[in-house]
Structure formats: C-alpha cells, structure tokens
Amino acid sequence: MNNIFAIASVVLKEMYRRKDFYVLFVLTALITLVMGSFNIFNDDKIVRYLKEICLLLIWISSLVIAITTAARQIPAERESRTIFPLLAKPVSRNQMIVGKFFGCWLACALVLVVFYLFFGIISGTREHFWPIAAYFQAAFFHWIFLGVVVAMVLWGSLIFAAPSSNATICFVIIFGIMALGSHLHKLAAAMHGISGTITTIIYFAIPHLEFYDLRDWIIHDWGTVAWGPWAIGALYGLVYSAIFLGLACLSFRRKALTL
C-alpha cells in the first residue's frame, strides 16, 4: 500500500503543476458568472438555466481532466523512461497501475470538490436554498462515474499507441454510452435474429454511465434519490471500475517494455 500511495501522490503533484484544471475552472466560473448576471424578463426561474449551464460545464471540464490525466500516465512514464527504474524497485506492475488509478481518481475528487463548492455558492446565493444531501449524492455519483472513466482510459493507454488516440476513442465511447446506452434495449427489441442478440448483449455488458447523471435532480429541485438504489448504483460503478482496472493490470503484465 505504501508503494501505491507513493505513486498516487506523484500523480496528484503532477496535476497540481499542470494548468489544465485552472484553465477549465476559470472558464467555467467566468461563463457561469456572466450568464448569472443577466436577468431575462425578471424571471426568477432563470436560475434553473444558470444551474443547467454550470452543471454542464462542470461535467465537460471534469471529463476532460479525467481522460487527459489518465491517458498520459503510462505513455509519459515510457517516454521519459522513468518506468524502468520505478519497476526496478520493489514496485510491481499491478501496484503501479493501481497507484496511477488512485492518483487520477483522487485528483478528480479534488476537482469535483472545487467545482461543486463553486456551484453550490452560486446557486445558493440566487435561490437562498441549500440542498446539501442532493448535492452530495450528485457529486459522489459524479465521482463514481469518473472512477469508471479513469479505469477505462488507463486500460486504453495499454492498448492504443498514442495518448491522443486513446483519449479520442474513450471520449467517443463515453459520449456514445451517455447518449445511447439507455436506448439499446429498445433498439434490440425492434431487431430480429443475431443483430438483436448482439445488441442485447452489448446493452447488458456496457457500464451504463448515464445512471450517474443527476443534473436534472439538482436543476429541478427534485430532492434526493432513495438511498437504497443510490447505494446500489455506487456499488455498480465500483464493480465496473474494478473490472477495467483488472483488465489494465492484466494488459500491463503482458506488455513488453523496451528501452
């Protein structure tokens, strides 16, 4: 565990030195504040549109940070050749992958804390209403979502040649699941033969990341999700994170490293 935490701390320090988070946070804050300064037709409900814009920017920014951070971990170590002295020490390949995962995932947690704190302050000052439990559920689910994404991208970094191709493919897959994942069973029901069977298998095999999008609950003040289903959803995401992390460890063990 000491090796895993040491590697994770290096990832956190790397994100602190890079400017990705700062740029995206400043852009999110500026766009949200500018939109919030408008008072269209003196409509008090305009705060819902403000919340929608802010949450959309938070989701996009956090996804960009998670994917780009995870995609460059292993390739950067190989290009700088720091991976060889690191593995020469008593650090196994599995420990390195797990350490990279926890480093990226904890970095995402820090990002979400800052983003959701900013969101809570902006929406609270406009609505004079602070649904702390609903914010906690949405932020934690968002973090579980990013855990699946980070594990998926780490596995992809051991399959695809370049970080750019890995990031692009993962972006396409994630947006595809978010947009179409919940509709695949309907599509399968309208198909016949082997195509319907394959679509059904895909529907049950993919991680349904759309479950973790609770933006509408926050925007429309629907309250909190029942804690039982919420806990099951969190466990569901952790299982898929473990699956992708296990695949990444297996791929890394079989990958030949050359100077």
Protein backbone atom coordinates (compact mmCIF):
# COMPACT_ATOMS: atom_id res chain seq x y z
CA MET A 1 0.00 0.00 0.00
CA ASN A 2 2.92 2.37 0.65
CA ASN A 3 4.04 1.95 -2.96
CA ILE A 4 0.52 2.55 -4.25
CA PHE A 5 0.08 5.71 -2.16
CA ALA A 6 3.51 6.99 -3.19
CA ILE A 7 2.65 6.63 -6.89
CA ALA A 8 -0.76 8.22 -6.31
CA SER A 9 0.85 11.22 -4.60
CA VAL A 10 3.10 11.75 -7.63
CA VAL A 11 0.03 11.88 -9.88
CA LEU A 12 -1.60 14.46 -7.58
CA LYS A 13 1.52 16.62 -7.61
CA GLU A 14 1.68 16.39 -11.40
CA MET A 15 -1.90 17.65 -11.74
CA TYR A 16 -1.12 20.49 -9.33
CA ARG A 17 1.76 21.62 -11.56
CA ARG A 18 -0.20 21.41 -14.80
CA LYS A 19 -2.56 24.22 -15.82
CA ASP A 20 -5.46 22.13 -17.18
CA PHE A 21 -7.62 22.38 -14.08
CA TYR A 22 -7.01 26.08 -13.52
CA VAL A 23 -7.89 27.00 -17.09
CA LEU A 24 -11.10 24.93 -17.13
CA PHE A 25 -12.20 26.18 -13.72
CA VAL A 26 -11.64 29.83 -14.66
CA LEU A 27 -13.58 29.33 -17.91
CA THR A 28 -16.43 27.63 -16.06
CA ALA A 29 -16.53 30.36 -13.43
CA LEU A 30 -16.44 33.20 -15.98
CA ILE A 31 -19.17 31.72 -18.21
CA THR A 32 -21.39 30.95 -15.20
CA LEU A 33 -20.93 34.40 -13.66
CA VAL A 34 -21.60 36.15 -16.96
CA MET A 35 -24.76 34.10 -17.53
CA GLY A 36 -25.84 34.72 -13.95
CA SER A 37 -25.51 38.48 -14.34
CA PHE A 38 -28.38 38.55 -16.83
CA ASN A 39 -31.95 38.97 -15.60
CA ILE A 40 -34.20 37.98 -18.50
CA PHE A 41 -37.74 39.37 -18.20
CA ASN A 42 -37.28 39.49 -14.41
CA ASP A 43 -37.96 35.75 -14.35
CA ASP A 44 -36.85 34.25 -11.04
CA LYS A 45 -36.84 30.77 -12.58
CA ILE A 46 -33.93 31.79 -14.82
CA VAL A 47 -31.72 30.31 -12.07
CA ARG A 48 -32.61 26.86 -13.43
CA TYR A 49 -30.96 27.72 -16.73
CA LEU A 50 -27.96 29.04 -14.83
CA LYS A 51 -27.71 25.78 -12.90
CA GLU A 52 -28.05 23.75 -16.09
CA ILE A 53 -25.24 25.67 -17.81
CA CYS A 54 -22.97 25.46 -14.77
CA LEU A 55 -23.51 21.71 -14.29
CA LEU A 56 -22.95 21.04 -17.98
CA LEU A 57 -19.64 22.91 -17.84
CA ILE A 58 -18.66 21.01 -14.69
CA TRP A 59 -19.38 17.67 -16.37
CA ILE A 60 -17.47 18.57 -19.52
CA SER A 61 -14.50 20.02 -17.64
CA SER A 62 -14.21 17.12 -15.19
CA LEU A 63 -14.45 14.58 -18.01
CA VAL A 64 -11.71 16.34 -19.96
CA ILE A 65 -9.48 16.42 -16.88
CA ALA A 66 -10.11 12.75 -16.03
CA ILE A 67 -9.48 11.45 -19.55
CA THR A 68 -6.43 13.57 -20.36
CA THR A 69 -4.84 12.91 -16.96
CA ALA A 70 -5.34 9.13 -17.13
CA ALA A 71 -4.40 8.85 -20.81
CA ARG A 72 -0.93 10.31 -20.36
CA GLN A 73 0.15 8.38 -17.24
CA ILE A 74 1.74 5.23 -18.68
CA PRO A 75 2.88 6.73 -22.05
CA ALA A 76 4.58 9.62 -20.23
CA GLU A 77 6.44 7.19 -17.97
CA ARG A 78 7.60 5.22 -21.00
CA GLU A 79 8.68 8.28 -22.99
CA SER A 80 10.68 9.70 -20.10
CA ARG A 81 11.97 6.18 -19.30
CA THR A 82 11.20 6.66 -15.61
CA ILE A 83 9.14 3.49 -15.76
CA PHE A 84 12.25 1.29 -15.81
CA PRO A 85 13.91 2.48 -12.55
CA LEU A 86 10.46 2.57 -10.97
CA LEU A 87 9.78 -1.08 -11.78
CA ALA A 88 13.36 -1.99 -10.86
CA LYS A 89 12.50 -1.00 -7.29
CA PRO A 90 10.20 -3.24 -5.21
CA VAL A 91 7.17 -1.95 -7.14
CA SER A 92 5.14 -4.46 -9.11
CA ARG A 93 3.30 -3.66 -12.31
CA ASN A 94 -0.04 -4.14 -10.57
CA GLN A 95 0.95 -1.68 -7.85
CA MET A 96 1.92 0.87 -10.48
CA ILE A 97 -1.43 0.62 -12.29
CA VAL A 98 -3.42 0.74 -9.05
CA GLY A 99 -1.34 3.69 -7.84
CA LYS A 100 -1.92 5.56 -11.09
CA PHE A 101 -5.64 4.84 -10.84
CA PHE A 102 -5.99 6.11 -7.28
CA GLY A 103 -3.88 9.17 -8.08
CA CYS A 104 -6.10 10.12 -11.02
CA TRP A 105 -9.28 9.29 -9.11
CA LEU A 106 -8.27 11.34 -6.08
CA ALA A 107 -7.32 14.20 -8.40
CA CYS A 108 -10.84 14.00 -9.83
CA ALA A 109 -12.24 14.14 -6.28
CA LEU A 110 -10.35 17.37 -5.57
CA VAL A 111 -11.56 18.83 -8.87
CA LEU A 112 -15.17 17.95 -8.07
CA VAL A 113 -14.95 19.44 -4.58
CA VAL A 114 -13.85 22.78 -6.04
CA PHE A 115 -16.39 22.72 -8.87
CA TYR A 116 -19.38 21.71 -6.73
CA LEU A 117 -18.44 24.15 -3.98
CA PHE A 118 -18.45 26.92 -6.57
CA PHE A 119 -21.75 25.65 -7.96
CA GLY A 120 -23.32 25.47 -4.50
CA ILE A 121 -22.29 29.03 -3.68
CA ILE A 122 -23.61 30.42 -6.98
CA SER A 123 -26.96 28.57 -6.90
CA GLY A 124 -27.42 29.11 -3.16
CA THR A 125 -26.96 32.87 -3.38
CA ARG A 126 -29.55 33.02 -6.16
CA GLU A 127 -32.12 30.59 -4.69
CA HIS A 128 -31.41 31.03 -0.95
CA PHE A 129 -31.77 27.25 -0.74
CA TRP A 130 -29.03 24.75 0.12
CA PRO A 131 -29.98 21.09 -0.62
CA ILE A 132 -26.76 19.65 0.82
CA ALA A 133 -27.88 16.00 0.63
CA ALA A 134 -28.84 16.31 -3.05
CA TYR A 135 -25.51 17.99 -3.85
CA PHE A 136 -23.65 15.22 -2.02
CA GLN A 137 -25.47 12.49 -3.95
CA ALA A 138 -24.83 14.20 -7.28
CA ALA A 139 -21.15 14.90 -6.56
CA PHE A 140 -20.46 11.39 -5.22
CA PHE A 141 -22.19 9.77 -8.19
CA HIS A 142 -20.17 12.04 -10.46
CA TRP A 143 -17.01 10.81 -8.73
CA ILE A 144 -18.03 7.16 -9.18
CA PHE A 145 -18.64 7.93 -12.86
CA LEU A 146 -15.14 9.39 -13.19
CA GLY A 147 -13.68 6.32 -11.47
CA VAL A 148 -15.08 4.11 -14.23
CA VAL A 149 -13.76 6.56 -16.82
CA VAL A 150 -10.26 6.67 -15.33
CA ALA A 151 -10.02 2.86 -15.14
CA MET A 152 -11.27 2.57 -18.73
CA VAL A 153 -8.77 5.13 -20.02
CA LEU A 154 -5.86 3.51 -18.15
CA TRP A 155 -6.72 0.21 -19.81
CA GLY A 156 -6.94 2.00 -23.16
CA SER A 157 -3.50 3.53 -22.66
CA LEU A 158 -2.07 -0.01 -22.72
CA ILE A 159 -3.92 -0.91 -25.92
CA PHE A 160 -3.73 2.17 -28.14
CA ALA A 161 -0.48 3.54 -29.43
CA ALA A 162 -0.80 7.23 -28.57
CA PRO A 163 -2.50 9.15 -25.73
CA SER A 164 -4.35 11.26 -28.31
CA SER A 165 -5.95 8.24 -29.99
CA ASN A 166 -6.78 6.69 -26.62
CA ALA A 167 -8.41 9.91 -25.39
CA THR A 168 -10.38 10.38 -28.61
CA ILE A 169 -11.70 6.82 -28.66
CA CYS A 170 -12.63 6.95 -24.97
CA PHE A 171 -14.43 10.28 -25.49
CA VAL A 172 -16.46 8.73 -28.32
CA ILE A 173 -17.29 5.60 -26.30
CA ILE A 174 -18.29 7.54 -23.19
CA PHE A 175 -20.45 10.05 -25.06
CA GLY A 176 -22.00 7.16 -27.02
CA ILE A 177 -22.91 5.34 -23.80
CA MET A 178 -24.28 8.51 -22.23
CA ALA A 179 -26.42 9.29 -25.26
CA LEU A 180 -27.50 5.84 -26.45
CA GLY A 181 -26.86 3.38 -23.64
CA SER A 182 -30.34 3.52 -22.15
CA HIS A 183 -31.98 3.05 -25.56
CA LEU A 184 -30.12 -0.06 -26.70
CA HIS A 185 -32.68 -2.47 -25.24
CA LYS A 186 -35.45 -0.72 -27.18
CA LEU A 187 -33.35 -0.97 -30.33
CA ALA A 188 -32.69 -4.66 -29.66
CA ALA A 189 -36.42 -5.33 -29.23
CA ALA A 190 -37.05 -3.94 -32.72
CA MET A 191 -34.34 -6.13 -34.29
CA HIS A 192 -34.55 -9.76 -35.33
CA GLY A 193 -32.01 -12.55 -35.41
CA ILE A 194 -28.36 -12.26 -34.50
CA SER A 195 -28.28 -8.45 -34.63
CA GLY A 196 -30.89 -8.19 -31.89
CA THR A 197 -29.00 -10.73 -29.77
CA ILE A 198 -25.70 -8.86 -30.16
CA THR A 199 -27.34 -5.54 -29.29
CA THR A 200 -28.89 -7.10 -26.18
CA ILE A 201 -25.51 -8.48 -25.09
CA ILE A 202 -23.93 -5.07 -25.59
CA TYR A 203 -26.70 -3.45 -23.55
CA PHE A 204 -26.05 -5.70 -20.56
CA ALA A 205 -22.25 -5.69 -20.93
CA ILE A 206 -21.51 -1.97 -21.10
CA PRO A 207 -21.32 0.21 -17.98
CA HIS A 208 -24.42 2.38 -18.01
CA LEU A 209 -22.76 5.67 -17.22
CA GLU A 210 -25.98 7.58 -17.82
CA PHE A 211 -27.17 6.35 -14.40
CA TYR A 212 -24.75 8.74 -12.73
CA ASP A 213 -26.05 11.92 -14.30
CA LEU A 214 -28.19 13.53 -11.58
CA ARG A 215 -28.16 17.01 -13.09
CA ASP A 216 -31.94 17.08 -13.59
CA TRP A 217 -32.48 16.29 -9.92
CA ILE A 218 -30.44 19.35 -9.00
CA ILE A 219 -31.80 21.65 -11.70
CA HIS A 220 -35.48 20.95 -10.96
CA ASP A 221 -35.08 20.55 -7.18
CA TRP A 222 -36.47 17.02 -7.14
CA GLY A 223 -34.85 16.28 -3.79
CA THR A 224 -32.68 13.25 -3.13
CA VAL A 225 -32.61 9.83 -4.73
CA ALA A 226 -33.73 6.99 -2.43
CA TRP A 227 -30.60 5.97 -0.56
CA GLY A 228 -31.01 2.24 -1.27
CA PRO A 229 -30.96 2.49 -5.08
CA TRP A 230 -28.29 5.19 -4.79
CA ALA A 231 -26.00 2.85 -2.82
CA ILE A 232 -26.60 0.04 -5.34
CA GLY A 233 -25.72 2.42 -8.16
CA ALA A 234 -22.49 3.38 -6.40
CA LEU A 235 -21.59 -0.30 -5.93
CA TYR A 236 -22.38 -0.94 -9.61
CA GLY A 237 -19.88 1.73 -10.64
CA LEU A 238 -17.21 0.43 -8.26
CA VAL A 239 -17.58 -3.06 -9.74
CA TYR A 240 -17.03 -1.76 -13.28
CA SER A 241 -14.06 0.31 -12.09
CA ALA A 242 -12.55 -2.86 -10.62
CA ILE A 243 -13.21 -4.77 -13.86
CA PHE A 244 -11.48 -2.18 -16.05
CA LEU A 245 -8.67 -1.85 -13.51
CA GLY A 246 -8.19 -5.63 -13.53
CA LEU A 247 -8.06 -5.62 -17.33
CA ALA A 248 -5.46 -2.83 -17.20
CA CYS A 249 -3.33 -4.81 -14.73
CA LEU A 250 -3.58 -7.93 -16.90
CA SER A 251 -2.64 -5.99 -20.06
CA PHE A 252 0.29 -4.30 -18.33
CA ARG A 253 1.66 -7.62 -17.03
CA ARG A 254 1.65 -8.98 -20.59
CA LYS A 255 3.05 -5.84 -22.20
CA ALA A 256 6.69 -5.90 -23.18
CA LEU A 257 8.67 -2.84 -22.10
CA THR A 258 11.72 -2.00 -24.18
CA LEU A 259 14.27 0.79 -23.99
